[in-house]
């Protein structure tokens, strides 16, 4: 009988601790958190909005993203409100499949470009059981006090043989700042974004409301490769901070010295996941 009472008392203590944790989480000061997760040679960005909606953009090349979710999300929260795949290369896609098998993913956005790889086929099979939608330029996703604008690819985009060029490019907008996440988009796509922004200054197409580039934080394209982060584009974005997501001592030589030189010439503060680990940005 005593053992039963002890077990019941222990259960009540645990329940009260969990209830207190939930209460204090709900009472916490509202802020927008963006975490560029250190997933090695890949990309994964976690967003937690002021009203506690969770967005995951890309998932990295392995299961590392799961550790990031466990660290930054409450242990009782197993829900991903929105998942975005920039493109179907494994260093962006693999971890998303792992997340889909362990979390309740309410909505998935992607560019619709198909590829014939094992990791893509696995992810696509999981996608069949999830609410999914092909996204395009002009798509605005409202997330309470913040919103995500998709700047690329265009609606009727003719995908080239490569996957990087079709990367979904989202811009997260909060009243106190914006974050531009470039996927693996090349300089050619950067120039097109600038052209479309200029075009919108003289016209008023339906998608023009999203075509704004200036952002306080720039997640550089293609892991800091010389194929991305052109001078004119970076100057137009005018970031205070640039985040480069790449693996330590990776075989590609990312980030490239040209990219670093461009950012330094524009007085942009540079952070690398390979050196700094997870990088967390708070807007409040």
C-alpha atoms as a PDB file:
ATOM      1  CA  UNK A   1       0.000   0.000   0.000  1.00  0.00           C
ATOM      2  CA  UNK A   2       2.880   2.340   0.876  1.00  0.00           C
ATOM      3  CA  UNK A   3       4.524   1.642  -2.482  1.00  0.00           C
ATOM      4  CA  UNK A   4       1.306   2.577  -4.274  1.00  0.00           C
ATOM      5  CA  UNK A   5       1.107   5.851  -2.345  1.00  0.00           C
ATOM      6  CA  UNK A   6       4.725   6.633  -3.196  1.00  0.00           C
ATOM      7  CA  UNK A   7       4.099   5.899  -6.874  1.00  0.00           C
ATOM      8  CA  UNK A   8       0.997   8.097  -6.865  1.00  0.00           C
ATOM      9  CA  UNK A   9       2.897  10.917  -5.146  1.00  0.00           C
ATOM     10  CA  UNK A  10       5.735  10.654  -7.666  1.00  0.00           C
ATOM     11  CA  UNK A  11       3.236  10.718 -10.530  1.00  0.00           C
ATOM     12  CA  UNK A  12       1.595  13.857  -9.119  1.00  0.00           C
ATOM     13  CA  UNK A  13       4.984  15.558  -8.752  1.00  0.00           C
ATOM     14  CA  UNK A  14       5.895  14.754 -12.372  1.00  0.00           C
ATOM     15  CA  UNK A  15       2.492  15.972 -13.553  1.00  0.00           C
ATOM     16  CA  UNK A  16       2.905  19.259 -11.689  1.00  0.00           C
ATOM     17  CA  UNK A  17       6.379  19.791 -13.128  1.00  0.00           C
ATOM     18  CA  UNK A  18       5.130  19.210 -16.670  1.00  0.00           C
ATOM     19  CA  UNK A  19       2.118  21.482 -16.064  1.00  0.00           C
ATOM     20  CA  UNK A  20       4.419  24.213 -14.747  1.00  0.00           C
ATOM     21  CA  UNK A  21       6.708  23.926 -17.780  1.00  0.00           C
ATOM     22  CA  UNK A  22       3.742  24.198 -20.144  1.00  0.00           C
ATOM     23  CA  UNK A  23       2.336  27.158 -18.193  1.00  0.00           C
ATOM     24  CA  UNK A  24       5.608  29.106 -18.224  1.00  0.00           C
ATOM     25  CA  UNK A  25       6.113  28.365 -21.922  1.00  0.00           C
ATOM     26  CA  UNK A  26       2.668  29.766 -22.701  1.00  0.00           C
ATOM     27  CA  UNK A  27       3.348  32.820 -20.523  1.00  0.00           C
ATOM     28  CA  UNK A  28       6.773  33.500 -22.030  1.00  0.00           C
ATOM     29  CA  UNK A  29       7.353  36.818 -23.764  1.00  0.00           C
ATOM     30  CA  UNK A  30       6.384  36.570 -27.413  1.00  0.00           C
ATOM     31  CA  UNK A  31       9.270  36.735 -29.865  1.00  0.00           C
ATOM     32  CA  UNK A  32      10.206  35.385 -33.263  1.00  0.00           C
ATOM     33  CA  UNK A  33      13.057  32.908 -33.228  1.00  0.00           C
ATOM     34  CA  UNK A  34      14.984  31.799 -36.297  1.00  0.00           C
ATOM     35  CA  UNK A  35      17.608  29.086 -35.823  1.00  0.00           C
ATOM     36  CA  UNK A  36      20.037  28.133 -38.559  1.00  0.00           C
ATOM     37  CA  UNK A  37      20.760  24.604 -37.443  1.00  0.00           C
ATOM     38  CA  UNK A  38      24.232  23.121 -37.693  1.00  0.00           C
ATOM     39  CA  UNK A  39      23.505  20.039 -39.786  1.00  0.00           C
ATOM     40  CA  UNK A  40      26.915  19.720 -41.412  1.00  0.00           C
ATOM     41  CA  UNK A  41      27.153  20.098 -45.176  1.00  0.00           C
ATOM     42  CA  UNK A  42      23.536  21.014 -45.735  1.00  0.00           C
ATOM     43  CA  UNK A  43      20.773  23.406 -44.760  1.00  0.00           C
ATOM     44  CA  UNK A  44      18.050  23.420 -42.125  1.00  0.00           C
ATOM     45  CA  UNK A  45      16.286  26.500 -40.741  1.00  0.00           C
ATOM     46  CA  UNK A  46      13.845  26.383 -37.837  1.00  0.00           C
ATOM     47  CA  UNK A  47      11.370  29.227 -37.297  1.00  0.00           C
ATOM     48  CA  UNK A  48       9.252  29.689 -34.189  1.00  0.00           C
ATOM     49  CA  UNK A  49       6.732  32.517 -34.543  1.00  0.00           C
ATOM     50  CA  UNK A  50       5.413  34.728 -31.696  1.00  0.00           C
ATOM     51  CA  UNK A  51       2.212  32.686 -31.542  1.00  0.00           C
ATOM     52  CA  UNK A  52       4.241  29.458 -31.364  1.00  0.00           C
ATOM     53  CA  UNK A  53       3.839  28.212 -34.899  1.00  0.00           C
ATOM     54  CA  UNK A  54       6.708  26.075 -36.111  1.00  0.00           C
ATOM     55  CA  UNK A  55       8.202  26.241 -39.592  1.00  0.00           C
ATOM     56  CA  UNK A  56      11.046  24.054 -40.872  1.00  0.00           C
ATOM     57  CA  UNK A  57      12.812  24.995 -44.100  1.00  0.00           C
ATOM     58  CA  UNK A  58      14.987  22.131 -45.407  1.00  0.00           C
ATOM     59  CA  UNK A  59      16.275  19.323 -43.223  1.00  0.00           C
ATOM     60  CA  UNK A  60      19.965  18.736 -43.873  1.00  0.00           C
ATOM     61  CA  UNK A  61      21.769  15.593 -45.088  1.00  0.00           C
ATOM     62  CA  UNK A  62      21.090  13.254 -42.153  1.00  0.00           C
ATOM     63  CA  UNK A  63      19.270  12.960 -38.812  1.00  0.00           C
ATOM     64  CA  UNK A  64      21.054  15.928 -37.199  1.00  0.00           C
ATOM     65  CA  UNK A  65      17.960  18.087 -37.629  1.00  0.00           C
ATOM     66  CA  UNK A  66      16.134  15.966 -35.046  1.00  0.00           C
ATOM     67  CA  UNK A  67      18.573  17.011 -32.318  1.00  0.00           C
ATOM     68  CA  UNK A  68      17.942  20.641 -33.245  1.00  0.00           C
ATOM     69  CA  UNK A  69      14.180  20.245 -32.996  1.00  0.00           C
ATOM     70  CA  UNK A  70      14.542  18.523 -29.634  1.00  0.00           C
ATOM     71  CA  UNK A  71      16.678  21.383 -28.336  1.00  0.00           C
ATOM     72  CA  UNK A  72      14.586  24.334 -29.477  1.00  0.00           C
ATOM     73  CA  UNK A  73      11.030  22.996 -29.292  1.00  0.00           C
ATOM     74  CA  UNK A  74       9.198  22.043 -26.081  1.00  0.00           C
ATOM     75  CA  UNK A  75       9.349  18.269 -25.600  1.00  0.00           C
ATOM     76  CA  UNK A  76       5.554  18.024 -25.636  1.00  0.00           C
ATOM     77  CA  UNK A  77       5.266  19.804 -28.987  1.00  0.00           C
ATOM     78  CA  UNK A  78       5.461  17.260 -31.818  1.00  0.00           C
ATOM     79  CA  UNK A  79       3.824  19.445 -34.428  1.00  0.00           C
ATOM     80  CA  UNK A  80       5.372  21.146 -37.475  1.00  0.00           C
ATOM     81  CA  UNK A  81       2.884  23.673 -38.842  1.00  0.00           C
ATOM     82  CA  UNK A  82       4.720  24.246 -42.107  1.00  0.00           C
ATOM     83  CA  UNK A  83       7.564  22.413 -43.840  1.00  0.00           C
ATOM     84  CA  UNK A  84       9.270  23.893 -46.910  1.00  0.00           C
ATOM     85  CA  UNK A  85      11.632  22.017 -49.210  1.00  0.00           C
ATOM     86  CA  UNK A  86      13.770  24.393 -51.251  1.00  0.00           C
ATOM     87  CA  UNK A  87      14.807  21.674 -53.734  1.00  0.00           C
ATOM     88  CA  UNK A  88      15.326  17.935 -53.805  1.00  0.00           C
ATOM     89  CA  UNK A  89      19.080  17.564 -53.251  1.00  0.00           C
ATOM     90  CA  UNK A  90      19.780  15.148 -50.401  1.00  0.00           C
ATOM     91  CA  UNK A  91      21.651  17.743 -48.292  1.00  0.00           C
ATOM     92  CA  UNK A  92      18.361  19.642 -47.992  1.00  0.00           C
ATOM     93  CA  UNK A  93      15.896  16.769 -48.188  1.00  0.00           C
ATOM     94  CA  UNK A  94      17.104  13.766 -46.176  1.00  0.00           C
ATOM     95  CA  UNK A  95      16.347  15.199 -42.751  1.00  0.00           C
ATOM     96  CA  UNK A  96      12.848  16.264 -43.785  1.00  0.00           C
ATOM     97  CA  UNK A  97      11.908  12.621 -44.350  1.00  0.00           C
ATOM     98  CA  UNK A  98      13.198  11.810 -40.849  1.00  0.00           C
ATOM     99  CA  UNK A  99      11.074  14.614 -39.405  1.00  0.00           C
ATOM    100  CA  UNK A 100       7.966  13.505 -41.289  1.00  0.00           C
ATOM    101  CA  UNK A 101       8.258  10.053 -39.762  1.00  0.00           C
ATOM    102  CA  UNK A 102       8.449  11.424 -36.207  1.00  0.00           C
ATOM    103  CA  UNK A 103       6.392  14.635 -36.185  1.00  0.00           C
ATOM    104  CA  UNK A 104       2.926  15.643 -37.208  1.00  0.00           C
ATOM    105  CA  UNK A 105       3.524  17.822 -40.274  1.00  0.00           C
ATOM    106  CA  UNK A 106       0.420  19.812 -41.137  1.00  0.00           C
ATOM    107  CA  UNK A 107       1.482  21.405 -44.438  1.00  0.00           C
ATOM    108  CA  UNK A 108       4.331  20.974 -46.945  1.00  0.00           C
ATOM    109  CA  UNK A 109       5.369  23.438 -49.646  1.00  0.00           C
ATOM    110  CA  UNK A 110       7.854  22.591 -52.410  1.00  0.00           C
ATOM    111  CA  UNK A 111       8.626  23.590 -55.989  1.00  0.00           C
ATOM    112  CA  UNK A 112       7.222  20.446 -57.629  1.00  0.00           C
ATOM    113  CA  UNK A 113      10.450  19.463 -59.369  1.00  0.00           C
ATOM    114  CA  UNK A 114      10.820  15.695 -59.580  1.00  0.00           C
ATOM    115  CA  UNK A 115      14.034  13.678 -59.389  1.00  0.00           C
ATOM    116  CA  UNK A 116      14.840   9.970 -59.364  1.00  0.00           C
ATOM    117  CA  UNK A 117      16.787   9.326 -56.172  1.00  0.00           C
ATOM    118  CA  UNK A 118      16.152   6.992 -53.253  1.00  0.00           C
ATOM    119  CA  UNK A 119      15.829   9.816 -50.724  1.00  0.00           C
ATOM    120  CA  UNK A 120      13.393  11.696 -52.975  1.00  0.00           C
ATOM    121  CA  UNK A 121      11.232   8.609 -53.531  1.00  0.00           C
ATOM    122  CA  UNK A 122      11.131   7.999 -49.786  1.00  0.00           C
ATOM    123  CA  UNK A 123      10.134  11.603 -49.095  1.00  0.00           C
ATOM    124  CA  UNK A 124       7.538  11.577 -51.879  1.00  0.00           C
ATOM    125  CA  UNK A 125       5.913   8.456 -50.434  1.00  0.00           C
ATOM    126  CA  UNK A 126       5.580  10.256 -47.085  1.00  0.00           C
ATOM    127  CA  UNK A 127       4.232  13.308 -48.875  1.00  0.00           C
ATOM    128  CA  UNK A 128       1.282  11.289 -50.161  1.00  0.00           C
ATOM    129  CA  UNK A 129      -0.135  11.221 -46.617  1.00  0.00           C
ATOM    130  CA  UNK A 130       0.366  14.951 -45.962  1.00  0.00           C
ATOM    131  CA  UNK A 131      -1.323  18.139 -47.099  1.00  0.00           C
ATOM    132  CA  UNK A 132       1.117  19.442 -49.714  1.00  0.00           C
ATOM    133  CA  UNK A 133       1.178  22.221 -52.292  1.00  0.00           C
ATOM    134  CA  UNK A 134       3.509  23.402 -55.033  1.00  0.00           C
ATOM    135  CA  UNK A 135       4.606  26.935 -54.252  1.00  0.00           C
ATOM    136  CA  UNK A 136       5.720  29.733 -56.545  1.00  0.00           C
ATOM    137  CA  UNK A 137       6.609  33.417 -56.726  1.00  0.00           C
ATOM    138  CA  UNK A 138       3.872  35.588 -55.246  1.00  0.00           C
ATOM    139  CA  UNK A 139       2.771  33.032 -52.650  1.00  0.00           C
ATOM    140  CA  UNK A 140       2.298  34.674 -49.240  1.00  0.00           C
ATOM    141  CA  UNK A 141       1.854  32.480 -46.177  1.00  0.00           C
ATOM    142  CA  UNK A 142       0.378  34.207 -43.142  1.00  0.00           C
ATOM    143  CA  UNK A 143       1.687  32.989 -39.791  1.00  0.00           C
ATOM    144  CA  UNK A 144      -0.033  35.193 -37.267  1.00  0.00           C
ATOM    145  CA  UNK A 145       2.058  38.327 -36.727  1.00  0.00           C
ATOM    146  CA  UNK A 146       4.584  37.312 -39.388  1.00  0.00           C
ATOM    147  CA  UNK A 147       4.413  36.112 -42.957  1.00  0.00           C
ATOM    148  CA  UNK A 148       6.523  34.229 -45.468  1.00  0.00           C
ATOM    149  CA  UNK A 149       6.789  35.515 -49.036  1.00  0.00           C
ATOM    150  CA  UNK A 150       7.991  33.204 -51.810  1.00  0.00           C
ATOM    151  CA  UNK A 151      10.171  35.084 -54.319  1.00  0.00           C
ATOM    152  CA  UNK A 152      11.220  32.168 -56.560  1.00  0.00           C
ATOM    153  CA  UNK A 153      10.499  30.130 -58.693  1.00  0.00           C
ATOM    154  CA  UNK A 154       7.838  31.739 -60.943  1.00  0.00           C
ATOM    155  CA  UNK A 155       4.502  29.972 -61.367  1.00  0.00           C
ATOM    156  CA  UNK A 156       5.218  28.560 -64.848  1.00  0.00           C
ATOM    157  CA  UNK A 157       8.946  28.051 -64.305  1.00  0.00           C
ATOM    158  CA  UNK A 158      10.585  25.646 -66.736  1.00  0.00           C
ATOM    159  CA  UNK A 159      12.937  23.694 -64.508  1.00  0.00           C
ATOM    160  CA  UNK A 160      16.414  23.109 -65.935  1.00  0.00           C
ATOM    161  CA  UNK A 161      18.159  19.764 -65.591  1.00  0.00           C
ATOM    162  CA  UNK A 162      19.846  20.919 -62.395  1.00  0.00           C
ATOM    163  CA  UNK A 163      17.963  21.310 -59.122  1.00  0.00           C
ATOM    164  CA  UNK A 164      19.681  24.312 -57.527  1.00  0.00           C
ATOM    165  CA  UNK A 165      18.308  26.872 -59.995  1.00  0.00           C
ATOM    166  CA  UNK A 166      14.714  26.064 -59.034  1.00  0.00           C
ATOM    167  CA  UNK A 167      15.257  26.581 -55.310  1.00  0.00           C
ATOM    168  CA  UNK A 168      12.310  27.969 -53.396  1.00  0.00           C
ATOM    169  CA  UNK A 169      13.417  31.354 -52.009  1.00  0.00           C
ATOM    170  CA  UNK A 170      11.330  32.463 -48.998  1.00  0.00           C
ATOM    171  CA  UNK A 171      11.583  35.783 -47.179  1.00  0.00           C
ATOM    172  CA  UNK A 172      10.365  35.825 -43.591  1.00  0.00           C
ATOM    173  CA  UNK A 173       8.923  39.193 -42.589  1.00  0.00           C
ATOM    174  CA  UNK A 174       8.422  40.440 -39.033  1.00  0.00           C
ATOM    175  CA  UNK A 175       7.636  44.032 -38.050  1.00  0.00           C
ATOM    176  CA  UNK A 176      11.164  44.374 -36.660  1.00  0.00           C
ATOM    177  CA  UNK A 177      13.106  42.665 -39.426  1.00  0.00           C
ATOM    178  CA  UNK A 178      13.273  40.228 -42.325  1.00  0.00           C
ATOM    179  CA  UNK A 179      15.229  37.072 -43.136  1.00  0.00           C
ATOM    180  CA  UNK A 180      15.992  36.056 -46.738  1.00  0.00           C
ATOM    181  CA  UNK A 181      16.747  32.353 -47.245  1.00  0.00           C
ATOM    182  CA  UNK A 182      18.322  31.601 -50.620  1.00  0.00           C
ATOM    183  CA  UNK A 183      18.414  27.807 -50.787  1.00  0.00           C
ATOM    184  CA  UNK A 184      21.009  26.877 -53.417  1.00  0.00           C
ATOM    185  CA  UNK A 185      20.003  29.605 -55.888  1.00  0.00           C
ATOM    186  CA  UNK A 186      22.771  30.825 -58.190  1.00  0.00           C
ATOM    187  CA  UNK A 187      23.826  34.347 -59.154  1.00  0.00           C
ATOM    188  CA  UNK A 188      21.652  34.051 -62.262  1.00  0.00           C
ATOM    189  CA  UNK A 189      18.566  33.657 -60.055  1.00  0.00           C
ATOM    190  CA  UNK A 190      19.769  36.523 -57.863  1.00  0.00           C
ATOM    191  CA  UNK A 191      19.906  38.804 -60.897  1.00  0.00           C
ATOM    192  CA  UNK A 192      16.412  37.738 -61.932  1.00  0.00           C
ATOM    193  CA  UNK A 193      15.101  38.566 -58.472  1.00  0.00           C
ATOM    194  CA  UNK A 194      16.578  42.040 -58.795  1.00  0.00           C
ATOM    195  CA  UNK A 195      15.039  42.447 -62.251  1.00  0.00           C
ATOM    196  CA  UNK A 196      11.610  41.454 -60.962  1.00  0.00           C
ATOM    197  CA  UNK A 197      11.917  43.833 -58.021  1.00  0.00           C
ATOM    198  CA  UNK A 198      12.747  46.706 -60.407  1.00  0.00           C
ATOM    199  CA  UNK A 199       9.869  45.665 -62.671  1.00  0.00           C
ATOM    200  CA  UNK A 200       7.506  45.884 -59.720  1.00  0.00           C
ATOM    201  CA  UNK A 201       8.552  49.458 -59.085  1.00  0.00           C
ATOM    202  CA  UNK A 202       7.016  50.377 -62.449  1.00  0.00           C
ATOM    203  CA  UNK A 203       4.091  47.955 -62.528  1.00  0.00           C
ATOM    204  CA  UNK A 204       1.561  46.464 -60.154  1.00  0.00           C
ATOM    205  CA  UNK A 205       1.282  42.746 -60.846  1.00  0.00           C
ATOM    206  CA  UNK A 206      -0.388  40.518 -58.284  1.00  0.00           C
ATOM    207  CA  UNK A 207       2.940  39.017 -57.225  1.00  0.00           C
ATOM    208  CA  UNK A 208       4.593  42.419 -56.775  1.00  0.00           C
ATOM    209  CA  UNK A 209       3.615  42.636 -53.117  1.00  0.00           C
ATOM    210  CA  UNK A 210       6.239  39.985 -52.304  1.00  0.00           C
ATOM    211  CA  UNK A 211       9.101  41.267 -54.467  1.00  0.00           C
ATOM    212  CA  UNK A 212      11.147  43.004 -51.827  1.00  0.00           C
ATOM    213  CA  UNK A 213      14.756  42.036 -51.184  1.00  0.00           C
ATOM    214  CA  UNK A 214      16.130  44.184 -48.307  1.00  0.00           C
ATOM    215  CA  UNK A 215      16.570  41.962 -45.252  1.00  0.00           C
ATOM    216  CA  UNK A 216      18.441  42.237 -41.972  1.00  0.00           C
ATOM    217  CA  UNK A 217      19.587  38.618 -42.221  1.00  0.00           C
ATOM    218  CA  UNK A 218      20.728  36.814 -45.371  1.00  0.00           C
ATOM    219  CA  UNK A 219      21.116  33.052 -45.417  1.00  0.00           C
ATOM    220  CA  UNK A 220      23.578  32.904 -48.301  1.00  0.00           C
ATOM    221  CA  UNK A 221      22.914  30.715 -51.303  1.00  0.00           C
ATOM    222  CA  UNK A 222      24.601  27.380 -51.952  1.00  0.00           C
ATOM    223  CA  UNK A 223      26.541  27.137 -48.674  1.00  0.00           C
ATOM    224  CA  UNK A 224      28.694  30.165 -49.442  1.00  0.00           C
ATOM    225  CA  UNK A 225      29.808  28.882 -52.836  1.00  0.00           C
ATOM    226  CA  UNK A 226      31.217  31.305 -55.419  1.00  0.00           C
ATOM    227  CA  UNK A 227      28.186  30.445 -57.586  1.00  0.00           C
ATOM    228  CA  UNK A 228      26.022  32.629 -55.318  1.00  0.00           C
ATOM    229  CA  UNK A 229      26.003  35.842 -53.249  1.00  0.00           C
ATOM    230  CA  UNK A 230      26.912  38.263 -56.019  1.00  0.00           C
ATOM    231  CA  UNK A 231      28.034  41.767 -55.072  1.00  0.00           C
ATOM    232  CA  UNK A 232      25.106  43.667 -56.627  1.00  0.00           C
ATOM    233  CA  UNK A 233      22.570  41.313 -55.131  1.00  0.00           C
ATOM    234  CA  UNK A 234      24.087  41.420 -51.665  1.00  0.00           C
ATOM    235  CA  UNK A 235      24.300  45.182 -51.842  1.00  0.00           C
ATOM    236  CA  UNK A 236      20.600  45.331 -52.709  1.00  0.00           C
ATOM    237  CA  UNK A 237      19.611  42.967 -49.889  1.00  0.00           C
ATOM    238  CA  UNK A 238      21.762  45.093 -47.562  1.00  0.00           C
ATOM    239  CA  UNK A 239      21.972  42.562 -44.737  1.00  0.00           C
ATOM    240  CA  UNK A 240      23.435  43.334 -41.349  1.00  0.00           C
ATOM    241  CA  UNK A 241      24.263  39.653 -40.887  1.00  0.00           C
ATOM    242  CA  UNK A 242      24.990  36.797 -43.276  1.00  0.00           C
ATOM    243  CA  UNK A 243      24.707  33.154 -42.259  1.00  0.00           C
ATOM    244  CA  UNK A 244      26.629  30.477 -44.151  1.00  0.00           C
ATOM    245  CA  UNK A 245      25.493  26.899 -43.602  1.00  0.00           C
ATOM    246  CA  UNK A 246      28.240  24.421 -44.477  1.00  0.00           C
ATOM    247  CA  UNK A 247      30.065  21.461 -42.986  1.00  0.00           C
ATOM    248  CA  UNK A 248      33.415  21.737 -41.265  1.00  0.00           C
ATOM    249  CA  UNK A 249      36.329  20.927 -43.612  1.00  0.00           C
ATOM    250  CA  UNK A 250      33.876  19.989 -46.377  1.00  0.00           C
ATOM    251  CA  UNK A 251      35.265  18.671 -49.674  1.00  0.00           C
ATOM    252  CA  UNK A 252      33.698  21.516 -51.691  1.00  0.00           C
ATOM    253  CA  UNK A 253      35.726  24.281 -50.074  1.00  0.00           C
ATOM    254  CA  UNK A 254      32.612  26.096 -48.826  1.00  0.00           C
ATOM    255  CA  UNK A 255      32.487  28.937 -48.090  1.00  0.00           C
ATOM    256  CA  UNK A 256      34.466  30.299 -51.014  1.00  0.00           C
ATOM    257  CA  UNK A 257      36.905  33.147 -50.398  1.00  0.00           C
ATOM    258  CA  UNK A 258      35.104  35.192 -53.075  1.00  0.00           C
ATOM    259  CA  UNK A 259      31.871  35.055 -51.085  1.00  0.00           C
ATOM    260  CA  UNK A 260      33.643  36.023 -47.875  1.00  0.00           C
ATOM    261  CA  UNK A 261      35.349  38.930 -49.664  1.00  0.00           C
ATOM    262  CA  UNK A 262      32.016  40.174 -51.048  1.00  0.00           C
ATOM    263  CA  UNK A 263      30.382  40.139 -47.626  1.00  0.00           C
ATOM    264  CA  UNK A 264      33.327  41.849 -45.952  1.00  0.00           C
ATOM    265  CA  UNK A 265      33.492  44.552 -48.615  1.00  0.00           C
ATOM    266  CA  UNK A 266      29.883  45.434 -47.747  1.00  0.00           C
ATOM    267  CA  UNK A 267      30.540  45.391 -43.987  1.00  0.00           C
ATOM    268  CA  UNK A 268      28.263  42.412 -43.406  1.00  0.00           C
ATOM    269  CA  UNK A 269      28.752  40.466 -40.184  1.00  0.00           C
ATOM    270  CA  UNK A 270      29.520  36.851 -41.126  1.00  0.00           C
ATOM    271  CA  UNK A 271      28.566  33.736 -39.179  1.00  0.00           C
ATOM    272  CA  UNK A 272      29.236  30.139 -40.212  1.00  0.00           C
ATOM    273  CA  UNK A 273      27.572  27.059 -38.758  1.00  0.00           C
ATOM    274  CA  UNK A 274      30.822  25.143 -39.316  1.00  0.00           C
ATOM    275  CA  UNK A 275      32.573  27.466 -36.844  1.00  0.00           C
ATOM    276  CA  UNK A 276      29.770  28.677 -34.573  1.00  0.00           C
ATOM    277  CA  UNK A 277      27.324  25.751 -34.512  1.00  0.00           C
ATOM    278  CA  UNK A 278      23.627  26.616 -34.371  1.00  0.00           C
ATOM    279  CA  UNK A 279      22.967  30.292 -35.027  1.00  0.00           C
ATOM    280  CA  UNK A 280      19.897  31.777 -33.351  1.00  0.00           C
ATOM    281  CA  UNK A 281      18.322  35.100 -34.316  1.00  0.00           C
ATOM    282  CA  UNK A 282      15.657  36.664 -32.079  1.00  0.00           C
ATOM    283  CA  UNK A 283      13.238  39.369 -33.245  1.00  0.00           C
ATOM    284  CA  UNK A 284      11.210  40.951 -30.438  1.00  0.00           C
END
